[in-house]
Amino acid sequence: MIKTFMLLLAFTVTDPEGFEKDEKVHILSQHFDTELECKEFIGIWEGLIRSRGLSSAQDMLADGYKVSLTHIGCTVAPDLDSK
Protein backbone atom coordinates (compact mmCIF):
# COMPACT_ATOMS: atom_id res chain seq x y z
CA MET A 1 0.00 0.00 0.00
CA ILE A 2 1.34 3.43 -0.97
CA LYS A 3 1.07 6.10 1.71
CA THR A 4 -0.43 9.40 0.75
CA PHE A 5 -0.37 12.48 2.91
CA MET A 6 -3.02 15.03 3.70
CA LEU A 7 -3.05 18.59 4.87
CA LEU A 8 -4.14 18.66 8.53
CA LEU A 9 -5.77 21.71 10.10
CA ALA A 10 -6.36 21.62 13.86
CA PHE A 11 -8.74 24.02 15.59
CA THR A 12 -9.86 24.80 19.13
CA VAL A 13 -13.38 26.02 19.85
CA THR A 14 -14.39 28.66 22.38
CA ASP A 15 -17.99 28.78 23.60
CA PRO A 16 -20.09 31.96 23.81
CA GLU A 17 -19.07 32.44 27.48
CA GLY A 18 -15.39 32.50 26.47
CA PHE A 19 -14.42 29.02 27.67
CA GLU A 20 -12.25 26.87 25.44
CA LYS A 21 -13.90 23.51 24.81
CA ASP A 22 -12.02 20.26 25.47
CA GLU A 23 -12.92 19.01 22.00
CA LYS A 24 -10.52 19.76 19.18
CA VAL A 25 -11.58 19.87 15.53
CA HIS A 26 -9.29 18.31 12.94
CA ILE A 27 -9.91 18.83 9.24
CA LEU A 28 -8.11 16.79 6.61
CA SER A 29 -7.82 18.44 3.22
CA GLN A 30 -6.01 17.85 -0.05
CA HIS A 31 -3.99 14.71 -0.85
CA PHE A 32 -0.26 14.68 -1.62
CA ASP A 33 1.98 11.88 -2.89
CA THR A 34 4.76 12.74 -0.43
CA GLU A 35 5.14 14.52 2.89
CA LEU A 36 7.63 16.88 1.22
CA GLU A 37 4.99 17.98 -1.33
CA CYS A 38 2.58 18.66 1.52
CA LYS A 39 5.15 20.72 3.46
CA GLU A 40 6.09 22.69 0.34
CA PHE A 41 2.39 23.42 -0.24
CA ILE A 42 2.11 24.75 3.32
CA GLY A 43 5.20 26.90 2.81
CA ILE A 44 3.67 28.54 -0.24
CA TRP A 45 0.03 28.80 0.88
CA GLU A 46 0.16 29.11 4.69
CA GLY A 47 -1.19 32.68 4.78
CA LEU A 48 -4.17 31.80 2.60
CA ILE A 49 -4.74 28.56 4.53
CA ARG A 50 -4.82 30.50 7.81
CA SER A 51 -7.34 33.05 6.57
CA ARG A 52 -9.57 30.81 4.45
CA GLY A 53 -9.32 27.74 6.66
CA LEU A 54 -10.19 29.78 9.71
CA SER A 55 -13.18 31.48 8.08
CA SER A 56 -14.46 28.18 6.65
CA ALA A 57 -14.29 26.49 10.05
CA GLN A 58 -15.92 29.50 11.73
CA ASP A 59 -18.82 29.29 9.27
CA MET A 60 -19.56 25.73 10.47
CA LEU A 61 -20.17 26.80 14.08
CA ALA A 62 -23.29 28.10 15.79
CA ASP A 63 -23.50 31.81 16.56
CA GLY A 64 -21.38 32.89 19.51
CA TYR A 65 -18.79 30.14 19.17
CA LYS A 66 -15.31 31.05 17.98
CA VAL A 67 -12.64 28.90 16.42
CA SER A 68 -8.85 29.29 16.52
CA LEU A 69 -6.45 27.61 14.11
CA THR A 70 -3.81 25.96 16.30
CA HIS A 71 -1.89 23.79 13.85
CA ILE A 72 -1.21 23.38 10.15
CA GLY A 73 0.67 20.23 9.23
CA CYS A 74 0.82 17.02 7.23
CA THR A 75 -0.34 13.57 8.24
CA VAL A 76 -0.67 10.14 6.66
CA ALA A 77 -4.05 9.83 4.96
CA PRO A 78 -6.40 7.46 6.82
CA ASP A 79 -7.49 4.26 5.12
CA LEU A 80 -11.24 4.78 5.12
CA ASP A 81 -11.88 1.69 2.98
CA SER A 82 -10.58 -0.82 5.53
CA LYS A 83 -13.03 -2.76 7.66
PDB file of N, CA and C in Angstrom:
ATOM      1  N   MET A   1       0.835  -1.178   0.000  1.00  0.00           N
ATOM      2  CA  MET A   1       0.000   0.000   0.000  1.00  0.00           C
ATOM      3  C   MET A   1       0.887   1.251   0.000  1.00  0.00           C
ATOM      4  N   ILE A   2       0.587   2.184  -0.872  1.00  0.00           N
ATOM      5  CA  ILE A   2       1.337   3.430  -0.965  1.00  0.00           C
ATOM      6  C   ILE A   2       0.718   4.451  -0.021  1.00  0.00           C
ATOM      7  N   LYS A   3       1.555   5.071   0.795  1.00  0.00           N
ATOM      8  CA  LYS A   3       1.067   6.099   1.705  1.00  0.00           C
ATOM      9  C   LYS A   3       0.862   7.392   0.943  1.00  0.00           C
ATOM     10  N   THR A   4      -0.233   8.041   1.224  1.00  0.00           N
ATOM     11  CA  THR A   4      -0.431   9.403   0.749  1.00  0.00           C
ATOM     12  C   THR A   4      -0.560  10.280   1.987  1.00  0.00           C
ATOM     13  N   PHE A   5      -0.324  11.536   1.805  1.00  0.00           N
ATOM     14  CA  PHE A   5      -0.368  12.481   2.912  1.00  0.00           C
ATOM     15  C   PHE A   5      -1.482  13.481   2.681  1.00  0.00           C
ATOM     16  N   MET A   6      -1.963  14.034   3.779  1.00  0.00           N
ATOM     17  CA  MET A   6      -3.024  15.025   3.698  1.00  0.00           C
ATOM     18  C   MET A   6      -2.655  16.237   4.533  1.00  0.00           C
ATOM     19  N   LEU A   7      -3.168  17.364   4.104  1.00  0.00           N
ATOM     20  CA  LEU A   7      -3.051  18.594   4.865  1.00  0.00           C
ATOM     21  C   LEU A   7      -3.941  18.464   6.092  1.00  0.00           C
ATOM     22  N   LEU A   8      -3.398  18.757   7.270  1.00  0.00           N
ATOM     23  CA  LEU A   8      -4.135  18.663   8.528  1.00  0.00           C
ATOM     24  C   LEU A   8      -4.268  20.052   9.129  1.00  0.00           C
ATOM     25  N   LEU A   9      -5.503  20.450   9.406  1.00  0.00           N
ATOM     26  CA  LEU A   9      -5.768  21.712  10.099  1.00  0.00           C
ATOM     27  C   LEU A   9      -6.391  21.358  11.444  1.00  0.00           C
ATOM     28  N   ALA A  10      -5.848  21.888  12.522  1.00  0.00           N
ATOM     29  CA  ALA A  10      -6.364  21.619  13.860  1.00  0.00           C
ATOM     30  C   ALA A  10      -6.888  22.923  14.463  1.00  0.00           C
ATOM     31  N   PHE A  11      -8.075  22.844  15.037  1.00  0.00           N
ATOM     32  CA  PHE A  11      -8.738  24.016  15.591  1.00  0.00           C
ATOM     33  C   PHE A  11      -9.166  23.768  17.027  1.00  0.00           C
ATOM     34  N   THR A  12      -9.221  24.840  17.819  1.00  0.00           N
ATOM     35  CA  THR A  12      -9.861  24.803  19.126  1.00  0.00           C
ATOM     36  C   THR A  12     -11.123  25.649  19.020  1.00  0.00           C
ATOM     37  N   VAL A  13     -12.097  25.323  19.864  1.00  0.00           N
ATOM     38  CA  VAL A  13     -13.381  26.020  19.847  1.00  0.00           C
ATOM     39  C   VAL A  13     -13.609  26.670  21.203  1.00  0.00           C
ATOM     40  N   THR A  14     -14.050  27.922  21.176  1.00  0.00           N
ATOM     41  CA  THR A  14     -14.389  28.664  22.384  1.00  0.00           C
ATOM     42  C   THR A  14     -15.887  28.905  22.388  1.00  0.00           C
ATOM     43  N   ASP A  15     -16.541  28.616  23.524  1.00  0.00           N
ATOM     44  CA  ASP A  15     -17.994  28.777  23.595  1.00  0.00           C
ATOM     45  C   ASP A  15     -18.374  30.246  23.793  1.00  0.00           C
ATOM     46  N   PRO A  16     -19.666  30.563  23.705  1.00  0.00           N
ATOM     47  CA  PRO A  16     -20.090  31.960  23.812  1.00  0.00           C
ATOM     48  C   PRO A  16     -19.706  32.640  25.128  1.00  0.00           C
ATOM     49  N   GLU A  17     -19.478  31.860  26.185  1.00  0.00           N
ATOM     50  CA  GLU A  17     -19.067  32.438  27.478  1.00  0.00           C
ATOM     51  C   GLU A  17     -17.561  32.669  27.554  1.00  0.00           C
ATOM     52  N   GLY A  18     -16.829  32.277  26.506  1.00  0.00           N
ATOM     53  CA  GLY A  18     -15.392  32.499  26.466  1.00  0.00           C
ATOM     54  C   GLY A  18     -14.546  31.346  26.970  1.00  0.00           C
ATOM     55  N   PHE A  19     -15.160  30.186  27.189  1.00  0.00           N
ATOM     56  CA  PHE A  19     -14.424  29.025  27.671  1.00  0.00           C
ATOM     57  C   PHE A  19     -14.012  28.141  26.497  1.00  0.00           C
ATOM     58  N   GLU A  20     -12.733  27.770  26.481  1.00  0.00           N
ATOM     59  CA  GLU A  20     -12.250  26.871  25.439  1.00  0.00           C
ATOM     60  C   GLU A  20     -12.768  25.471  25.707  1.00  0.00           C
ATOM     61  N   LYS A  21     -13.353  24.859  24.693  1.00  0.00           N
ATOM     62  CA  LYS A  21     -13.899  23.511  24.811  1.00  0.00           C
ATOM     63  C   LYS A  21     -12.760  22.490  24.814  1.00  0.00           C
ATOM     64  N   ASP A  22     -13.010  21.350  25.457  1.00  0.00           N
ATOM     65  CA  ASP A  22     -12.023  20.263  25.474  1.00  0.00           C
ATOM     66  C   ASP A  22     -11.861  19.648  24.097  1.00  0.00           C
ATOM     67  N   GLU A  23     -12.951  19.627  23.323  1.00  0.00           N
ATOM     68  CA  GLU A  23     -12.918  19.014  22.002  1.00  0.00           C
ATOM     69  C   GLU A  23     -12.061  19.836  21.046  1.00  0.00           C
ATOM     70  N   LYS A  24     -11.310  19.141  20.238  1.00  0.00           N
ATOM     71  CA  LYS A  24     -10.519  19.763  19.175  1.00  0.00           C
ATOM     72  C   LYS A  24     -11.098  19.322  17.846  1.00  0.00           C
ATOM     73  N   VAL A  25     -11.051  20.183  16.862  1.00  0.00           N
ATOM     74  CA  VAL A  25     -11.584  19.873  15.535  1.00  0.00           C
ATOM     75  C   VAL A  25     -10.398  19.713  14.591  1.00  0.00           C
ATOM     76  N   HIS A  26     -10.336  18.563  13.916  1.00  0.00           N
ATOM     77  CA  HIS A  26      -9.285  18.309  12.938  1.00  0.00           C
ATOM     78  C   HIS A  26      -9.927  18.174  11.564  1.00  0.00           C
ATOM     79  N   ILE A  27      -9.410  18.902  10.606  1.00  0.00           N
ATOM     80  CA  ILE A  27      -9.914  18.829   9.243  1.00  0.00           C
ATOM     81  C   ILE A  27      -8.784  18.344   8.347  1.00  0.00           C
ATOM     82  N   LEU A  28      -9.060  17.294   7.584  1.00  0.00           N
ATOM     83  CA  LEU A  28      -8.105  16.789   6.606  1.00  0.00           C
ATOM     84  C   LEU A  28      -8.515  17.321   5.240  1.00  0.00           C
ATOM     85  N   SER A  29      -7.538  17.822   4.512  1.00  0.00           N
ATOM     86  CA  SER A  29      -7.825  18.436   3.220  1.00  0.00           C
ATOM     87  C   SER A  29      -6.678  18.169   2.265  1.00  0.00           C
ATOM     88  N   GLN A  30      -6.972  17.975   1.043  1.00  0.00           N
ATOM     89  CA  GLN A  30      -6.011  17.854  -0.046  1.00  0.00           C
ATOM     90  C   GLN A  30      -5.011  16.716   0.147  1.00  0.00           C
ATOM     91  N   HIS A  31      -4.921  15.851  -0.840  1.00  0.00           N
ATOM     92  CA  HIS A  31      -3.994  14.713  -0.847  1.00  0.00           C
ATOM     93  C   HIS A  31      -2.684  15.088  -1.533  1.00  0.00           C
ATOM     94  N   PHE A  32      -1.588  14.499  -1.043  1.00  0.00           N
ATOM     95  CA  PHE A  32      -0.259  14.680  -1.625  1.00  0.00           C
ATOM     96  C   PHE A  32       0.407  13.313  -1.730  1.00  0.00           C
ATOM     97  N   ASP A  33       1.257  13.147  -2.723  1.00  0.00           N
ATOM     98  CA  ASP A  33       1.976  11.881  -2.894  1.00  0.00           C
ATOM     99  C   ASP A  33       3.089  11.703  -1.874  1.00  0.00           C
ATOM    100  N   THR A  34       3.666  12.816  -1.399  1.00  0.00           N
ATOM    101  CA  THR A  34       4.756  12.737  -0.425  1.00  0.00           C
ATOM    102  C   THR A  34       4.554  13.790   0.660  1.00  0.00           C
ATOM    103  N   GLU A  35       5.185  13.545   1.790  1.00  0.00           N
ATOM    104  CA  GLU A  35       5.138  14.517   2.885  1.00  0.00           C
ATOM    105  C   GLU A  35       5.834  15.814   2.468  1.00  0.00           C
ATOM    106  N   LEU A  36       6.909  15.696   1.685  1.00  0.00           N
ATOM    107  CA  LEU A  36       7.626  16.885   1.217  1.00  0.00           C
ATOM    108  C   LEU A  36       6.715  17.778   0.377  1.00  0.00           C
ATOM    109  N   GLU A  37       5.925  17.187  -0.523  1.00  0.00           N
ATOM    110  CA  GLU A  37       4.986  17.976  -1.330  1.00  0.00           C
ATOM    111  C   GLU A  37       3.999  18.717  -0.442  1.00  0.00           C
ATOM    112  N   CYS A  38       3.518  18.050   0.589  1.00  0.00           N
ATOM    113  CA  CYS A  38       2.582  18.664   1.522  1.00  0.00           C
ATOM    114  C   CYS A  38       3.235  19.849   2.239  1.00  0.00           C
ATOM    115  N   LYS A  39       4.445  19.651   2.743  1.00  0.00           N
ATOM    116  CA  LYS A  39       5.147  20.723   3.455  1.00  0.00           C
ATOM    117  C   LYS A  39       5.473  21.895   2.534  1.00  0.00           C
ATOM    118  N   GLU A  40       5.828  21.611   1.296  1.00  0.00           N
ATOM    119  CA  GLU A  40       6.089  22.692   0.338  1.00  0.00           C
ATOM    120  C   GLU A  40       4.810  23.476   0.062  1.00  0.00           C
ATOM    121  N   PHE A  41       3.680  22.777  -0.040  1.00  0.00           N
ATOM    122  CA  PHE A  41       2.389  23.425  -0.238  1.00  0.00           C
ATOM    123  C   PHE A  41       2.094  24.374   0.920  1.00  0.00           C
ATOM    124  N   ILE A  42       2.327  23.909   2.149  1.00  0.00           N
ATOM    125  CA  ILE A  42       2.106  24.752   3.321  1.00  0.00           C
ATOM    126  C   ILE A  42       3.011  25.973   3.262  1.00  0.00           C
ATOM    127  N   GLY A  43       4.262  25.780   2.887  1.00  0.00           N
ATOM    128  CA  GLY A  43       5.200  26.896   2.805  1.00  0.00           C
ATOM    129  C   GLY A  43       4.738  27.985   1.853  1.00  0.00           C
ATOM    130  N   ILE A  44       4.131  27.583   0.759  1.00  0.00           N
ATOM    131  CA  ILE A  44       3.665  28.539  -0.242  1.00  0.00           C
ATOM    132  C   ILE A  44       2.328  29.170   0.156  1.00  0.00           C
ATOM    133  N   TRP A  45       1.416  28.376   0.699  1.00  0.00           N
ATOM    134  CA  TRP A  45       0.035  28.802   0.884  1.00  0.00           C
ATOM    135  C   TRP A  45      -0.383  29.033   2.337  1.00  0.00           C
ATOM    136  N   GLU A  46       0.541  29.040   3.280  1.00  0.00           N
ATOM    137  CA  GLU A  46       0.156  29.113   4.692  1.00  0.00           C
ATOM    138  C   GLU A  46      -0.712  30.326   5.019  1.00  0.00           C
ATOM    139  N   GLY A  47      -0.393  31.476   4.488  1.00  0.00           N
ATOM    140  CA  GLY A  47      -1.187  32.676   4.778  1.00  0.00           C
ATOM    141  C   GLY A  47      -2.631  32.523   4.336  1.00  0.00           C
ATOM    142  N   LEU A  48      -2.818  32.015   3.128  1.00  0.00           N
ATOM    143  CA  LEU A  48      -4.169  31.802   2.604  1.00  0.00           C
ATOM    144  C   LEU A  48      -4.888  30.692   3.384  1.00  0.00           C
ATOM    145  N   ILE A  49      -4.153  29.647   3.745  1.00  0.00           N
ATOM    146  CA  ILE A  49      -4.740  28.559   4.535  1.00  0.00           C
ATOM    147  C   ILE A  49      -5.241  29.107   5.867  1.00  0.00           C
ATOM    148  N   ARG A  50      -4.432  29.937   6.512  1.00  0.00           N
ATOM    149  CA  ARG A  50      -4.816  30.498   7.808  1.00  0.00           C
ATOM    150  C   ARG A  50      -6.070  31.366   7.697  1.00  0.00           C
ATOM    151  N   SER A  51      -6.164  32.177   6.683  1.00  0.00           N
ATOM    152  CA  SER A  51      -7.339  33.045   6.570  1.00  0.00           C
ATOM    153  C   SER A  51      -8.564  32.281   6.088  1.00  0.00           C
ATOM    154  N   ARG A  52      -8.427  31.535   5.006  1.00  0.00           N
ATOM    155  CA  ARG A  52      -9.570  30.812   4.449  1.00  0.00           C
ATOM    156  C   ARG A  52      -9.988  29.627   5.309  1.00  0.00           C
ATOM    157  N   GLY A  53      -9.004  28.893   5.809  1.00  0.00           N
ATOM    158  CA  GLY A  53      -9.318  27.745   6.664  1.00  0.00           C
ATOM    159  C   GLY A  53     -10.033  28.176   7.921  1.00  0.00           C
ATOM    160  N   LEU A  54      -9.572  29.262   8.498  1.00  0.00           N
ATOM    161  CA  LEU A  54     -10.191  29.779   9.715  1.00  0.00           C
ATOM    162  C   LEU A  54     -11.619  30.240   9.443  1.00  0.00           C
ATOM    163  N   SER A  55     -11.831  30.988   8.370  1.00  0.00           N
ATOM    164  CA  SER A  55     -13.182  31.481   8.079  1.00  0.00           C
ATOM    165  C   SER A  55     -14.118  30.334   7.704  1.00  0.00           C
ATOM    166  N   SER A  56     -13.628  29.329   7.003  1.00  0.00           N
ATOM    167  CA  SER A  56     -14.464  28.177   6.646  1.00  0.00           C
ATOM    168  C   SER A  56     -14.887  27.406   7.894  1.00  0.00           C
ATOM    169  N   ALA A  57     -13.953  27.198   8.810  1.00  0.00           N
ATOM    170  CA  ALA A  57     -14.289  26.491  10.049  1.00  0.00           C
ATOM    171  C   ALA A  57     -15.249  27.325  10.896  1.00  0.00           C
ATOM    172  N   GLN A  58     -15.040  28.631  10.955  1.00  0.00           N
ATOM    173  CA  GLN A  58     -15.917  29.505  11.726  1.00  0.00           C
ATOM    174  C   GLN A  58     -17.346  29.448  11.194  1.00  0.00           C
ATOM    175  N   ASP A  59     -17.488  29.357   9.888  1.00  0.00           N
ATOM    176  CA  ASP A  59     -18.817  29.294   9.266  1.00  0.00           C
ATOM    177  C   ASP A  59     -19.587  28.033   9.649  1.00  0.00           C
ATOM    178  N   MET A  60     -18.899  26.984  10.111  1.00  0.00           N
ATOM    179  CA  MET A  60     -19.556  25.731  10.474  1.00  0.00           C
ATOM    180  C   MET A  60     -20.119  25.747  11.895  1.00  0.00           C
ATOM    181  N   LEU A  61     -19.776  26.771  12.670  1.00  0.00           N
ATOM    182  CA  LEU A  61     -20.172  26.800  14.076  1.00  0.00           C
ATOM    183  C   LEU A  61     -21.425  27.633  14.302  1.00  0.00           C
ATOM    184  N   ALA A  62     -22.114  27.330  15.394  1.00  0.00           N
ATOM    185  CA  ALA A  62     -23.287  28.105  15.792  1.00  0.00           C
ATOM    186  C   ALA A  62     -22.850  29.509  16.214  1.00  0.00           C
ATOM    187  N   ASP A  63     -23.780  30.433  16.161  1.00  0.00           N
ATOM    188  CA  ASP A  63     -23.504  31.813  16.561  1.00  0.00           C
ATOM    189  C   ASP A  63     -22.955  31.854  17.985  1.00  0.00           C
ATOM    190  N   GLY A  64     -21.972  32.706  18.184  1.00  0.00           N
ATOM    191  CA  GLY A  64     -21.381  32.886  19.506  1.00  0.00           C
ATOM    192  C   GLY A  64     -20.136  32.044  19.749  1.00  0.00           C
ATOM    193  N   TYR A  65     -19.978  30.975  19.021  1.00  0.00           N
ATOM    194  CA  TYR A  65     -18.792  30.138  19.167  1.00  0.00           C
ATOM    195  C   TYR A  65     -17.683  30.695  18.283  1.00  0.00           C
ATOM    196  N   LYS A  66     -16.450  30.573  18.759  1.00  0.00           N
ATOM    197  CA  LYS A  66     -15.308  31.049  17.981  1.00  0.00           C
ATOM    198  C   LYS A  66     -14.310  29.917  17.820  1.00  0.00           C
ATOM    199  N   VAL A  67     -13.611  29.939  16.709  1.00  0.00           N
ATOM    200  CA  VAL A  67     -12.638  28.902  16.416  1.00  0.00           C
ATOM    201  C   VAL A  67     -11.264  29.550  16.244  1.00  0.00           C
ATOM    202  N   SER A  68     -10.230  28.841  16.691  1.00  0.00           N
ATOM    203  CA  SER A  68      -8.848  29.292  16.516  1.00  0.00           C
ATOM    204  C   SER A  68      -8.063  28.189  15.818  1.00  0.00           C
ATOM    205  N   LEU A  69      -7.304  28.565  14.811  1.00  0.00           N
ATOM    206  CA  LEU A  69      -6.448  27.607  14.111  1.00  0.00           C
ATOM    207  C   LEU A  69      -5.178  27.426  14.930  1.00  0.00           C
ATOM    208  N   THR A  70      -4.951  26.208  15.416  1.00  0.00           N
ATOM    209  CA  THR A  70      -3.814  25.961  16.305  1.00  0.00           C
ATOM    210  C   THR A  70      -2.674  25.201  15.644  1.00  0.00           C
ATOM    211  N   HIS A  71      -2.956  24.575  14.482  1.00  0.00           N
ATOM    212  CA  HIS A  71      -1.891  23.786  13.849  1.00  0.00           C
ATOM    213  C   HIS A  71      -2.191  23.602  12.366  1.00  0.00           C
ATOM    214  N   ILE A  72      -1.166  23.748  11.559  1.00  0.00           N
ATOM    215  CA  ILE A  72      -1.211  23.383  10.147  1.00  0.00           C
ATOM    216  C   ILE A  72      -0.073  22.399   9.942  1.00  0.00           C
ATOM    217  N   GLY A  73      -0.377  21.226   9.417  1.00  0.00           N
ATOM    218  CA  GLY A  73       0.666  20.231   9.228  1.00  0.00           C
ATOM    219  C   GLY A  73       0.274  19.191   8.207  1.00  0.00           C
ATOM    220  N   CYS A  74       1.042  18.125   8.176  1.00  0.00           N
ATOM    221  CA  CYS A  74       0.818  17.024   7.235  1.00  0.00           C
ATOM    222  C   CYS A  74       0.691  15.736   8.034  1.00  0.00           C
ATOM    223  N   THR A  75      -0.169  14.853   7.577  1.00  0.00           N
ATOM    224  CA  THR A  75      -0.344  13.567   8.239  1.00  0.00           C
ATOM    225  C   THR A  75      -0.622  12.500   7.182  1.00  0.00           C
ATOM    226  N   VAL A  76      -0.376  11.254   7.566  1.00  0.00           N
ATOM    227  CA  VAL A  76      -0.675  10.142   6.659  1.00  0.00           C
ATOM    228  C   VAL A  76      -2.186  10.072   6.479  1.00  0.00           C
ATOM    229  N   ALA A  77      -2.622   9.923   5.251  1.00  0.00           N
ATOM    230  CA  ALA A  77      -4.055   9.825   4.965  1.00  0.00           C
ATOM    231  C   ALA A  77      -4.625   8.561   5.578  1.00  0.00           C
ATOM    232  N   PRO A  78      -5.785   8.665   6.222  1.00  0.00           N
ATOM    233  CA  PRO A  78      -6.397   7.462   6.818  1.00  0.00           C
ATOM    234  C   PRO A  78      -6.924   6.528   5.728  1.00  0.00           C
ATOM    235  N   ASP A  79      -6.934   5.246   6.033  1.00  0.00           N
ATOM    236  CA  ASP A  79      -7.486   4.258   5.119  1.00  0.00           C
ATOM    237  C   ASP A  79      -8.955   4.087   5.476  1.00  0.00           C
ATOM    238  N   LEU A  80      -9.818   4.809   4.805  1.00  0.00           N
ATOM    239  CA  LEU A  80     -11.245   4.785   5.116  1.00  0.00           C
ATOM    240  C   LEU A  80     -11.959   3.590   4.500  1.00  0.00           C
ATOM    241  N   ASP A  81     -11.279   2.847   3.630  1.00  0.00           N
ATOM    242  CA  ASP A  81     -11.884   1.691   2.985  1.00  0.00           C
ATOM    243  C   ASP A  81     -11.696   0.402   3.769  1.00  0.00           C
ATOM    244  N   SER A  82     -10.828   0.420   4.771  1.00  0.00           N
ATOM    245  CA  SER A  82     -10.577  -0.817   5.528  1.00  0.00           C
ATOM    246  C   SER A  82     -11.737  -1.087   6.468  1.00  0.00           C
ATOM    247  N   LYS A  83     -11.923  -2.367   6.771  1.00  0.00           N
ATOM    248  CA  LYS A  83     -13.034  -2.758   7.660  1.00  0.00           C
ATOM    249  C   LYS A  83     -12.528  -3.205   8.983  1.00  0.00           C
TER     250      LYS A  83
END
